[in-house]
Amino acid sequence: MNRLSRSKTSDLLTLDSCPVCKNHIGVRFFEPAPQPLATLGWPKTANEAKAMTRLSLDFKQCLSCAHVWNTSFSYDAIPYQINPSRMYNDGSIWQGHMVDTRALLLERVKDAPTVIEVGCGEGHFLRALADLFGEDGRFIGFDPDGSGESGQGIEFFSRVFDPVLDVERFKPDLILMRHVLEHLTRPLEFIQKLAWASGGIEKPLWFFAEVPCIDKVFETGRLSDFFYEHPSHFSSHSFRTLLENVGDVVDFQTGYSGEVIYALARVLPQDYRIQQVSRRNSFFEKSKESISFIQVQLRNLALSGKKTVIWGGTGKAAAFINLFSANSGDFPWVVDSDATKVGYYVPGTGQLIRSPLEIKSDYIDVVIIPSQWRARDISKQIDDMQFSIGQILIEHQGKLIDFQKEEHPY
């Protein structure tokens, strides 16, 4: 059985999780000397070109999905708003690929669609797609570059596309991302937000994405694919892994002799997540009601003059005391079974944490046990020490209940 040395094992751990699958186990992949911007610098003189800032390329590869990414990338180093990202290929084979791509989209999207292209550049692909629909439909491009040609014949927004707000606003039938995902530092976050937003538009949403494919890099060992403007490099495995987070991948292909990889997916809002949000919202609203109700119960208890002891002074007990405002004036008596905590003070409110032995001779009207999971043990301890008490209260379902008389799971 082959085993890695200790030094090699430590090298596998990355400080950053994979931007596609969030796996933390990766290997050093490619670490050349710092390089200038390759596609967005646009130096106007030879001296300016030679003086360009060199930026670090520290590529790691995920051992789970085979994604490759630059862990030293900073979006702030990219002047998108100043210099355009120009992707030019007028070759007949590439143009044929564009025709095939539009034909694929036409099979799925019909009847005056609303189409959004994220990172539309100068808008050539989106305008050509719009031409196929004549005057039917709405075609919207987003790009922070804002090239002079971008808005000709289409609606154009010179800004970054927001997957949540813009899906809600425009309610698209199709979203295109051609050669954009490789520029994102958090592609999984974008995809998950898109899937979530689709649940609010009440109609099918298709998502088409295309990226450069580095499968041939693994086969040939070529190195010029790696430059600063592309922080992410997708293998066919990592691209499928990413797209499966958006919904049902119905078409997954390589094109242009394997140099690009693209997929068409039906975006699914994932009903179980919607149900989870409903439950979380319910908990959120209920929690506010619970705090108010228990605070009133505690205030009434303080006004009653009953001697009340809170059993526990740190951890969950301290959280309870602070959450429900059980201040030291109304509730000065706090005890703890753990002798090592005695003599310290409750964080935030300042009650002295005492030994239970200090109250053994007194009659206690009410004992509050904030740590419900320990309530049975503490109740037994109270019996064993022959304390004289009126009732034990615990928090349950948004109120303080009688531990010995009311129903609860503890």
Protein backbone atom coordinates (compact mmCIF):
# COMPACT_ATOMS: atom_id res chain seq x y z
CA MET A 1 0.00 0.00 0.00
CA ASN A 2 1.43 3.37 -1.06
CA ARG A 3 1.49 6.05 1.62
CA LEU A 4 2.40 9.72 1.45
CA SER A 5 5.20 11.11 3.58
CA ARG A 6 4.24 13.55 6.33
CA SER A 7 5.63 16.50 4.33
CA LYS A 8 3.68 15.54 1.21
CA THR A 9 0.52 15.04 3.23
CA SER A 10 0.73 18.57 4.65
CA ASP A 11 1.21 19.96 1.15
CA LEU A 12 -2.19 18.60 0.18
CA LEU A 13 -4.05 20.90 2.55
CA THR A 14 -5.07 24.25 1.06
CA LEU A 15 -5.98 27.33 3.06
CA ASP A 16 -8.82 28.02 0.64
CA SER A 17 -11.62 25.65 -0.23
CA CYS A 18 -12.27 24.72 -3.85
CA PRO A 19 -14.52 27.40 -5.40
CA VAL A 20 -16.57 24.69 -7.11
CA CYS A 21 -17.09 21.89 -4.57
CA LYS A 22 -15.70 23.42 -1.33
CA ASN A 23 -13.28 20.53 -0.81
CA HIS A 24 -10.21 21.53 1.24
CA ILE A 25 -7.80 18.92 -0.06
CA GLY A 26 -5.78 20.16 -3.01
CA VAL A 27 -2.29 20.01 -4.50
CA ARG A 28 0.07 22.59 -5.91
CA PHE A 29 -0.57 22.62 -9.63
CA PHE A 30 1.33 25.48 -11.30
CA GLU A 31 3.38 28.27 -9.72
CA PRO A 32 5.25 30.31 -12.36
CA ALA A 33 6.90 33.67 -11.76
CA PRO A 34 4.46 36.60 -11.42
CA GLN A 35 3.00 37.72 -14.74
CA PRO A 36 1.33 40.92 -16.06
CA LEU A 37 -2.31 41.04 -17.10
CA ALA A 38 -2.61 39.18 -20.38
CA THR A 39 -5.99 40.32 -21.73
CA LEU A 40 -6.98 43.47 -19.82
CA GLY A 41 -3.81 45.55 -19.60
CA TRP A 42 -3.81 47.21 -23.05
CA PRO A 43 -0.45 49.04 -22.75
CA LYS A 44 -0.07 51.84 -25.30
CA THR A 45 3.73 51.92 -25.44
CA ALA A 46 6.54 49.41 -25.18
CA ASN A 47 7.79 51.04 -21.98
CA GLU A 48 4.32 50.93 -20.47
CA ALA A 49 4.08 47.26 -21.38
CA LYS A 50 7.42 46.44 -19.78
CA ALA A 51 6.51 48.37 -16.63
CA MET A 52 3.25 46.54 -16.03
CA THR A 53 2.65 45.17 -12.55
CA ARG A 54 3.44 41.48 -12.17
CA LEU A 55 0.75 39.46 -10.39
CA SER A 56 1.08 36.14 -8.58
CA LEU A 57 -0.08 32.88 -10.15
CA ASP A 58 -0.47 30.22 -7.47
CA PHE A 59 -2.65 27.56 -8.99
CA LYS A 60 -3.96 24.67 -6.91
CA GLN A 61 -5.95 21.67 -8.07
CA CYS A 62 -8.83 20.15 -6.15
CA LEU A 63 -8.44 16.42 -5.58
CA SER A 64 -12.21 15.96 -5.54
CA CYS A 65 -13.50 17.64 -8.72
CA ALA A 66 -10.18 18.39 -10.53
CA HIS A 67 -10.88 22.14 -10.62
CA VAL A 68 -7.83 24.42 -10.90
CA TRP A 69 -7.82 27.91 -9.39
CA ASN A 70 -5.43 30.74 -8.54
CA THR A 71 -5.37 31.14 -4.78
CA SER A 72 -3.57 34.51 -5.08
CA PHE A 73 -6.17 36.11 -7.34
CA SER A 74 -7.64 39.50 -6.40
CA TYR A 75 -10.59 40.92 -8.32
CA ASP A 76 -9.39 44.44 -7.45
CA ALA A 77 -6.37 43.95 -9.71
CA ILE A 78 -8.61 43.68 -12.79
CA PRO A 79 -9.60 47.00 -14.48
CA TYR A 80 -12.85 45.74 -16.00
CA GLN A 81 -14.50 49.17 -15.99
CA ILE A 82 -11.54 50.76 -17.78
CA ASN A 83 -10.38 48.21 -20.35
CA PRO A 84 -12.72 45.90 -22.27
CA SER A 85 -12.45 42.14 -22.24
CA ARG A 86 -12.27 41.35 -25.94
CA MET A 87 -12.73 37.79 -27.03
CA TYR A 88 -12.07 37.71 -30.77
CA ASN A 89 -12.23 34.67 -32.99
CA ASP A 90 -13.48 35.14 -36.54
CA GLY A 91 -12.40 31.70 -37.73
CA SER A 92 -14.93 29.65 -39.65
CA ILE A 93 -14.79 26.73 -37.21
CA TRP A 94 -15.47 29.01 -34.25
CA GLN A 95 -18.28 30.77 -36.08
CA GLY A 96 -19.75 27.36 -36.85
CA HIS A 97 -19.64 26.59 -33.14
CA MET A 98 -21.57 29.82 -32.49
CA VAL A 99 -24.23 28.80 -35.02
CA ASP A 100 -24.57 25.37 -33.39
CA THR A 101 -24.87 26.98 -29.96
CA ARG A 102 -27.68 29.28 -31.05
CA ALA A 103 -29.47 26.33 -32.65
CA LEU A 104 -29.26 24.44 -29.35
CA LEU A 105 -30.83 27.37 -27.54
CA LEU A 106 -33.61 27.73 -30.10
CA GLU A 107 -34.69 24.16 -29.38
CA ARG A 108 -35.47 25.08 -25.78
CA VAL A 109 -36.52 28.73 -25.82
CA LYS A 110 -39.36 29.96 -28.02
CA ASP A 111 -42.29 32.39 -28.16
CA ALA A 112 -40.87 35.87 -27.53
CA PRO A 113 -38.44 34.99 -24.73
CA THR A 114 -36.68 37.25 -22.27
CA VAL A 115 -32.98 36.44 -22.64
CA ILE A 116 -30.17 37.76 -20.45
CA GLU A 117 -26.50 37.42 -21.33
CA VAL A 118 -24.16 37.91 -18.38
CA GLY A 119 -20.84 39.33 -19.53
CA CYS A 120 -22.11 40.05 -23.04
CA GLY A 121 -18.97 41.97 -24.05
CA GLU A 122 -19.72 43.79 -27.30
CA GLY A 123 -22.98 41.89 -27.63
CA HIS A 124 -22.33 40.04 -30.90
CA PHE A 125 -23.71 36.69 -29.78
CA LEU A 126 -26.80 38.16 -28.11
CA ARG A 127 -27.65 40.34 -31.12
CA ALA A 128 -27.33 37.38 -33.46
CA LEU A 129 -29.67 35.39 -31.22
CA ALA A 130 -32.12 38.31 -31.14
CA ASP A 131 -32.09 38.44 -34.94
CA LEU A 132 -33.33 34.85 -35.06
CA PHE A 133 -36.45 35.92 -33.16
CA GLY A 134 -37.10 38.97 -35.32
CA GLU A 135 -38.80 41.59 -33.19
CA ASP A 136 -40.20 39.06 -30.74
CA GLY A 137 -38.71 38.91 -27.27
CA ARG A 138 -36.51 40.95 -25.00
CA PHE A 139 -32.72 40.67 -25.11
CA ILE A 140 -30.70 42.13 -22.24
CA GLY A 141 -26.94 42.30 -21.83
CA PHE A 142 -24.89 42.91 -18.70
CA ASP A 143 -21.20 43.82 -18.68
CA PRO A 144 -19.20 46.15 -16.42
CA ASP A 145 -17.03 47.04 -19.43
CA GLY A 146 -19.66 49.07 -21.31
CA SER A 147 -18.07 48.90 -24.77
CA GLY A 148 -19.45 51.33 -27.34
CA GLU A 149 -20.94 48.47 -29.33
CA SER A 150 -22.53 46.66 -26.41
CA GLY A 151 -25.92 48.35 -26.44
CA GLN A 152 -26.56 48.41 -30.17
CA GLY A 153 -29.78 46.53 -30.86
CA ILE A 154 -30.18 45.15 -27.33
CA GLU A 155 -30.92 46.48 -23.85
CA PHE A 156 -27.61 46.98 -22.12
CA PHE A 157 -26.64 47.52 -18.49
CA SER A 158 -23.08 48.59 -17.77
CA ARG A 159 -22.80 46.80 -14.44
CA VAL A 160 -22.38 43.41 -12.82
CA PHE A 161 -25.41 41.12 -13.02
CA ASP A 162 -27.04 40.30 -9.67
CA PRO A 163 -28.41 36.73 -9.81
CA VAL A 164 -31.04 37.39 -7.14
CA LEU A 165 -32.25 40.92 -7.83
CA ASP A 166 -32.05 40.80 -11.63
CA VAL A 167 -33.79 37.45 -11.98
CA GLU A 168 -36.62 38.84 -9.87
CA ARG A 169 -36.71 42.08 -11.88
CA PHE A 170 -36.51 40.75 -15.44
CA LYS A 171 -37.99 37.25 -15.02
CA PRO A 172 -35.92 35.72 -17.84
CA ASP A 173 -36.61 32.55 -19.79
CA LEU A 174 -32.91 32.03 -20.55
CA ILE A 175 -29.66 33.21 -18.98
CA LEU A 176 -26.41 32.94 -20.93
CA MET A 177 -22.91 32.96 -19.47
CA ARG A 178 -20.34 32.44 -22.19
CA HIS A 179 -16.73 32.59 -20.99
CA VAL A 180 -17.63 34.36 -17.76
CA LEU A 181 -17.61 31.71 -15.02
CA GLU A 182 -13.84 31.36 -15.32
CA HIS A 183 -13.55 35.02 -14.24
CA LEU A 184 -15.50 34.51 -11.01
CA THR A 185 -13.82 33.87 -7.69
CA ARG A 186 -16.96 32.27 -6.22
CA PRO A 187 -18.77 30.50 -9.06
CA LEU A 188 -20.64 28.15 -6.72
CA GLU A 189 -22.11 31.09 -4.83
CA PHE A 190 -23.35 32.59 -8.10
CA ILE A 191 -24.93 29.33 -9.24
CA GLN A 192 -26.66 28.69 -5.93
CA LYS A 193 -28.09 32.22 -5.85
CA LEU A 194 -29.38 31.75 -9.38
CA ALA A 195 -31.10 28.49 -8.47
CA TRP A 196 -32.63 30.10 -5.41
CA ALA A 197 -33.90 33.14 -7.34
CA SER A 198 -35.59 30.94 -9.96
CA GLY A 199 -38.14 29.87 -7.38
CA GLY A 200 -39.70 33.32 -7.44
CA ILE A 201 -40.48 33.74 -11.14
CA GLU A 202 -43.08 30.97 -11.56
CA LYS A 203 -41.95 29.80 -14.99
CA PRO A 204 -39.19 27.60 -16.41
CA LEU A 205 -35.72 29.14 -16.50
CA TRP A 206 -32.94 27.80 -18.69
CA PHE A 207 -29.27 28.41 -18.03
CA PHE A 208 -26.54 28.06 -20.66
CA ALA A 209 -22.87 28.29 -19.71
CA GLU A 210 -19.66 27.82 -21.66
CA VAL A 211 -16.09 27.93 -20.39
CA PRO A 212 -12.61 27.01 -21.64
CA CYS A 213 -11.90 23.36 -20.90
CA ILE A 214 -8.51 22.34 -19.52
CA ASP A 215 -8.85 18.60 -20.06
CA LYS A 216 -6.26 18.90 -22.84
CA VAL A 217 -3.89 20.62 -20.42
CA PHE A 218 -3.79 17.41 -18.41
CA GLU A 219 -3.15 15.42 -21.59
CA THR A 220 -0.55 17.69 -23.23
CA GLY A 221 1.11 19.58 -20.37
CA ARG A 222 0.71 22.94 -22.12
CA LEU A 223 1.10 26.00 -19.88
CA SER A 224 -0.06 29.11 -21.76
CA ASP A 225 -3.69 28.53 -20.72
CA PHE A 226 -2.90 29.97 -17.31
CA PHE A 227 -3.02 33.75 -16.95
CA TYR A 228 -4.18 36.10 -14.23
CA GLU A 229 -7.57 37.15 -15.59
CA HIS A 230 -8.82 33.57 -15.35
CA PRO A 231 -8.78 32.63 -11.65
CA SER A 232 -10.79 29.47 -12.38
CA HIS A 233 -10.00 26.72 -14.87
CA PHE A 234 -12.66 24.09 -15.41
CA SER A 235 -12.15 20.43 -16.13
CA SER A 236 -15.14 18.57 -17.54
CA HIS A 237 -15.55 17.05 -14.08
CA SER A 238 -15.51 20.34 -12.18
CA PHE A 239 -17.82 22.03 -14.71
CA ARG A 240 -20.45 19.31 -14.35
CA THR A 241 -20.03 19.40 -10.57
CA LEU A 242 -20.76 23.13 -10.61
CA LEU A 243 -23.73 22.95 -12.98
CA GLU A 244 -25.43 20.20 -11.00
CA ASN A 245 -25.98 22.85 -8.32
CA VAL A 246 -28.23 24.84 -10.64
CA GLY A 247 -30.67 22.10 -11.56
CA ASP A 248 -31.22 19.49 -14.26
CA VAL A 249 -28.33 19.39 -16.76
CA VAL A 250 -30.00 18.31 -20.01
CA ASP A 251 -27.15 18.93 -22.46
CA PHE A 252 -23.44 18.65 -21.65
CA GLN A 253 -20.87 18.76 -24.46
CA THR A 254 -17.38 19.76 -25.45
CA GLY A 255 -16.88 21.86 -28.55
CA TYR A 256 -14.26 23.46 -30.74
CA SER A 257 -12.13 20.31 -30.73
CA GLY A 258 -12.46 19.94 -26.98
CA GLU A 259 -11.19 23.43 -26.17
CA VAL A 260 -14.50 24.57 -24.68
CA ILE A 261 -17.14 22.86 -22.65
CA TYR A 262 -20.76 23.93 -22.42
CA ALA A 263 -23.98 22.88 -20.81
CA LEU A 264 -27.66 23.70 -20.88
CA ALA A 265 -29.55 23.22 -17.65
CA ARG A 266 -33.08 23.74 -16.51
CA VAL A 267 -32.78 25.78 -13.35
CA LEU A 268 -34.62 24.21 -10.44
CA PRO A 269 -35.50 26.16 -7.29
CA GLN A 270 -35.12 22.99 -5.18
CA ASP A 271 -38.39 22.79 -3.27
CA TYR A 272 -36.77 21.31 -0.19
CA ARG A 273 -34.73 24.49 0.24
CA ILE A 274 -37.86 26.60 -0.07
CA GLN A 275 -39.43 24.44 2.63
CA GLN A 276 -36.32 24.91 4.76
CA VAL A 277 -36.56 28.68 4.40
CA SER A 278 -40.21 28.55 5.43
CA ARG A 279 -39.24 26.61 8.55
CA ARG A 280 -36.31 28.93 9.27
CA ASN A 281 -38.51 32.01 8.90
CA SER A 282 -41.02 30.42 11.24
CA PHE A 283 -38.27 29.82 13.81
CA PHE A 284 -37.00 33.38 13.37
CA GLU A 285 -40.41 34.93 14.04
CA LYS A 286 -41.14 32.49 16.87
CA SER A 287 -37.80 33.29 18.52
CA LYS A 288 -38.72 36.97 18.82
CA GLU A 289 -42.07 36.05 20.36
CA SER A 290 -40.36 33.64 22.77
CA ILE A 291 -37.88 36.23 24.02
CA SER A 292 -40.67 38.73 24.72
CA PHE A 293 -42.89 36.14 26.43
CA ILE A 294 -40.18 34.71 28.70
CA GLN A 295 -38.95 38.18 29.61
CA VAL A 296 -42.48 38.97 30.81
CA GLN A 297 -42.58 35.69 32.78
CA LEU A 298 -39.28 36.52 34.46
CA ARG A 299 -40.37 40.06 35.22
CA ASN A 300 -43.56 38.82 36.85
CA LEU A 301 -41.54 36.27 38.81
CA ALA A 302 -39.22 39.02 40.08
CA LEU A 303 -42.19 41.21 41.08
CA SER A 304 -43.80 38.32 42.96
CA GLY A 305 -41.05 38.35 45.57
CA LYS A 306 -40.47 34.61 45.26
CA LYS A 307 -36.93 33.48 45.95
CA THR A 308 -35.62 32.28 42.62
CA VAL A 309 -32.35 30.52 41.90
CA ILE A 310 -30.87 30.07 38.44
CA TRP A 311 -28.93 26.80 38.31
CA GLY A 312 -25.91 27.33 36.09
CA GLY A 313 -23.69 30.35 35.45
CA THR A 314 -21.78 29.72 32.24
CA GLY A 315 -22.41 28.34 28.75
CA LYS A 316 -26.11 27.82 28.04
CA ALA A 317 -27.02 29.21 31.44
CA ALA A 318 -25.12 32.46 30.78
CA ALA A 319 -26.74 32.62 27.33
CA PHE A 320 -30.18 32.22 28.94
CA ILE A 321 -29.48 34.90 31.55
CA ASN A 322 -28.36 37.43 28.94
CA LEU A 323 -30.92 36.53 26.29
CA PHE A 324 -33.89 36.93 28.60
CA SER A 325 -32.44 39.84 30.61
CA ALA A 326 -32.32 38.03 33.96
CA ASN A 327 -30.34 40.87 35.54
CA SER A 328 -28.48 40.72 38.83
CA GLY A 329 -30.97 43.00 40.56
CA ASP A 330 -33.98 40.78 39.91
CA PHE A 331 -32.14 37.46 40.00
CA PRO A 332 -29.08 37.71 42.24
CA TRP A 333 -28.91 34.00 43.07
CA VAL A 334 -26.96 31.86 40.62
CA VAL A 335 -25.48 28.48 41.58
CA ASP A 336 -23.53 25.88 39.65
CA SER A 337 -22.93 22.17 40.24
CA ASP A 338 -19.36 22.54 38.95
CA ALA A 339 -17.18 23.64 41.87
CA THR A 340 -14.53 25.03 39.49
CA LYS A 341 -16.96 27.75 38.37
CA VAL A 342 -17.84 28.90 41.88
CA GLY A 343 -16.44 32.33 42.72
CA TYR A 344 -16.54 33.60 39.16
CA TYR A 345 -19.25 35.87 37.77
CA VAL A 346 -21.90 35.41 35.09
CA PRO A 347 -20.64 36.96 31.83
CA GLY A 348 -22.54 40.09 30.90
CA THR A 349 -24.74 40.40 34.00
CA GLY A 350 -22.33 39.99 36.89
CA GLN A 351 -24.07 37.63 39.33
CA LEU A 352 -21.63 35.82 41.62
CA ILE A 353 -21.68 32.10 40.85
CA ARG A 354 -22.20 30.29 44.16
CA SER A 355 -22.09 26.73 45.41
CA PRO A 356 -25.48 25.01 45.83
CA LEU A 357 -24.44 24.39 49.46
CA GLU A 358 -24.96 28.11 50.17
CA ILE A 359 -28.71 27.80 49.62
CA LYS A 360 -29.31 24.33 51.06
CA SER A 361 -30.83 25.62 54.30
CA ASP A 362 -33.22 28.03 52.57
CA TYR A 363 -36.63 27.41 51.07
CA ILE A 364 -36.42 28.07 47.34
CA ASP A 365 -39.66 28.97 45.60
CA VAL A 366 -38.36 28.52 42.06
CA VAL A 367 -35.30 26.91 40.50
CA ILE A 368 -34.72 27.76 36.83
CA ILE A 369 -32.56 25.27 34.93
CA PRO A 370 -31.48 26.84 31.59
CA SER A 371 -29.63 23.70 30.39
CA GLN A 372 -32.64 21.50 29.68
CA TRP A 373 -30.52 18.51 28.73
CA ARG A 374 -29.12 18.49 32.29
CA ALA A 375 -32.44 19.15 34.02
CA ARG A 376 -33.01 15.53 35.04
CA ASP A 377 -29.53 15.22 36.57
CA ILE A 378 -29.87 18.54 38.38
CA SER A 379 -33.33 17.59 39.64
CA LYS A 380 -31.86 14.38 41.05
CA GLN A 381 -29.02 16.36 42.64
CA ILE A 382 -31.58 18.64 44.30
CA ASP A 383 -33.40 15.59 45.69
CA ASP A 384 -30.16 13.97 46.86
CA MET A 385 -29.14 17.17 48.67
CA GLN A 386 -32.63 17.35 50.21
CA PHE A 387 -33.31 20.87 49.05
CA SER A 388 -36.68 22.38 49.88
CA ILE A 389 -38.07 23.87 46.67
CA GLY A 390 -41.42 24.81 45.21
CA GLN A 391 -40.94 24.14 41.48
CA ILE A 392 -38.38 23.73 38.74
CA LEU A 393 -38.80 25.71 35.52
CA ILE A 394 -37.22 25.07 32.12
CA GLU A 395 -37.55 26.83 28.78
CA HIS A 396 -39.71 24.90 26.30
CA GLN A 397 -41.66 25.96 23.21
CA GLY A 398 -41.25 29.65 23.86
CA LYS A 399 -42.11 29.79 27.55
CA LEU A 400 -41.02 28.68 31.00
CA ILE A 401 -42.81 25.49 32.04
CA ASP A 402 -42.93 23.33 35.16
CA PHE A 403 -40.34 20.60 34.67
CA GLN A 404 -42.14 18.14 36.95
CA LYS A 405 -45.75 18.72 35.88
CA GLU A 406 -45.82 19.70 32.20
CA GLU A 407 -44.97 17.69 29.08
CA HIS A 408 -41.56 18.06 27.47
CA PRO A 409 -38.91 15.81 25.84
CA TYR A 410 -36.39 16.04 28.69
